[in-house]
C-alpha atoms as a PDB file:
ATOM      1  CA  UNK A   1      39.283  -6.475  14.915  1.00  0.00           C
ATOM      2  CA  UNK A   2      38.415  -4.193  12.323  1.00  0.00           C
ATOM      3  CA  UNK A   3      34.981  -5.323  11.759  1.00  0.00           C
ATOM      4  CA  UNK A   4      34.653  -4.570  15.731  1.00  0.00           C
ATOM      5  CA  UNK A   5      36.096  -1.061  15.294  1.00  0.00           C
ATOM      6  CA  UNK A   6      33.797  -0.255  12.339  1.00  0.00           C
ATOM      7  CA  UNK A   7      30.619  -1.749  14.011  1.00  0.00           C
ATOM      8  CA  UNK A   8      31.455   0.705  16.883  1.00  0.00           C
ATOM      9  CA  UNK A   9      32.207   3.393  14.539  1.00  0.00           C
ATOM     10  CA  UNK A  10      28.662   3.358  13.015  1.00  0.00           C
ATOM     11  CA  UNK A  11      27.018   3.168  16.205  1.00  0.00           C
ATOM     12  CA  UNK A  12      28.601   6.069  17.691  1.00  0.00           C
ATOM     13  CA  UNK A  13      27.616   7.945  14.351  1.00  0.00           C
ATOM     14  CA  UNK A  14      24.050   6.708  14.442  1.00  0.00           C
ATOM     15  CA  UNK A  15      23.536   7.496  18.099  1.00  0.00           C
ATOM     16  CA  UNK A  16      24.989  10.718  17.483  1.00  0.00           C
ATOM     17  CA  UNK A  17      22.883  11.559  14.485  1.00  0.00           C
ATOM     18  CA  UNK A  18      19.864  10.572  16.497  1.00  0.00           C
ATOM     19  CA  UNK A  19      20.941  12.883  19.214  1.00  0.00           C
ATOM     20  CA  UNK A  20      21.546  15.841  16.929  1.00  0.00           C
ATOM     21  CA  UNK A  21      18.147  15.457  15.272  1.00  0.00           C
ATOM     22  CA  UNK A  22      16.517  15.271  18.750  1.00  0.00           C
ATOM     23  CA  UNK A  23      18.170  18.277  20.004  1.00  0.00           C
ATOM     24  CA  UNK A  24      17.199  19.984  17.093  1.00  0.00           C
ATOM     25  CA  UNK A  25      13.363  19.461  17.195  1.00  0.00           C
ATOM     26  CA  UNK A  26      13.375  20.061  21.111  1.00  0.00           C
ATOM     27  CA  UNK A  27      14.786  23.308  20.424  1.00  0.00           C
ATOM     28  CA  UNK A  28      12.374  23.904  17.918  1.00  0.00           C
ATOM     29  CA  UNK A  29       9.591  23.001  20.251  1.00  0.00           C
ATOM     30  CA  UNK A  30      10.883  25.164  23.029  1.00  0.00           C
ATOM     31  CA  UNK A  31      11.248  28.308  20.658  1.00  0.00           C
ATOM     32  CA  UNK A  32       7.600  27.727  19.700  1.00  0.00           C
ATOM     33  CA  UNK A  33       6.676  28.144  23.118  1.00  0.00           C
ATOM     34  CA  UNK A  34       8.165  31.487  23.703  1.00  0.00           C
ATOM     35  CA  UNK A  35       5.963  33.051  20.699  1.00  0.00           C
ATOM     36  CA  UNK A  36       3.391  35.055  21.942  1.00  0.00           C
ATOM     37  CA  UNK A  37      -0.360  33.859  21.036  1.00  0.00           C
ATOM     38  CA  UNK A  38      -1.929  35.434  18.257  1.00  0.00           C
ATOM     39  CA  UNK A  39      -4.753  37.073  20.510  1.00  0.00           C
ATOM     40  CA  UNK A  40      -1.929  38.514  22.725  1.00  0.00           C
ATOM     41  CA  UNK A  41      -0.314  40.038  19.716  1.00  0.00           C
ATOM     42  CA  UNK A  42      -3.613  41.380  18.769  1.00  0.00           C
ATOM     43  CA  UNK A  43      -4.436  43.027  22.264  1.00  0.00           C
ATOM     44  CA  UNK A  44      -0.990  44.286  22.241  1.00  0.00           C
ATOM     45  CA  UNK A  45      -1.299  46.151  19.073  1.00  0.00           C
ATOM     46  CA  UNK A  46      -4.924  47.352  19.803  1.00  0.00           C
ATOM     47  CA  UNK A  47      -3.516  48.811  23.072  1.00  0.00           C
ATOM     48  CA  UNK A  48      -0.364  50.452  21.255  1.00  0.00           C
ATOM     49  CA  UNK A  49      -2.864  52.204  18.755  1.00  0.00           C
ATOM     50  CA  UNK A  50      -5.475  53.263  21.561  1.00  0.00           C
ATOM     51  CA  UNK A  51      -2.426  55.089  23.443  1.00  0.00           C
ATOM     52  CA  UNK A  52      -1.280  56.442  20.363  1.00  0.00           C
END
């Protein structure tokens, strides 16, 4: 019975760890899509200096 419980605990921790790593990686990928493209940043800085 104790072996079953420790095995269940290990599987729970392993799946939890994989889910945590997957969540962090997916959030990092989503954050990367929120960053503007370098061409857009350059265009924005050119328009800003032109109007000032």
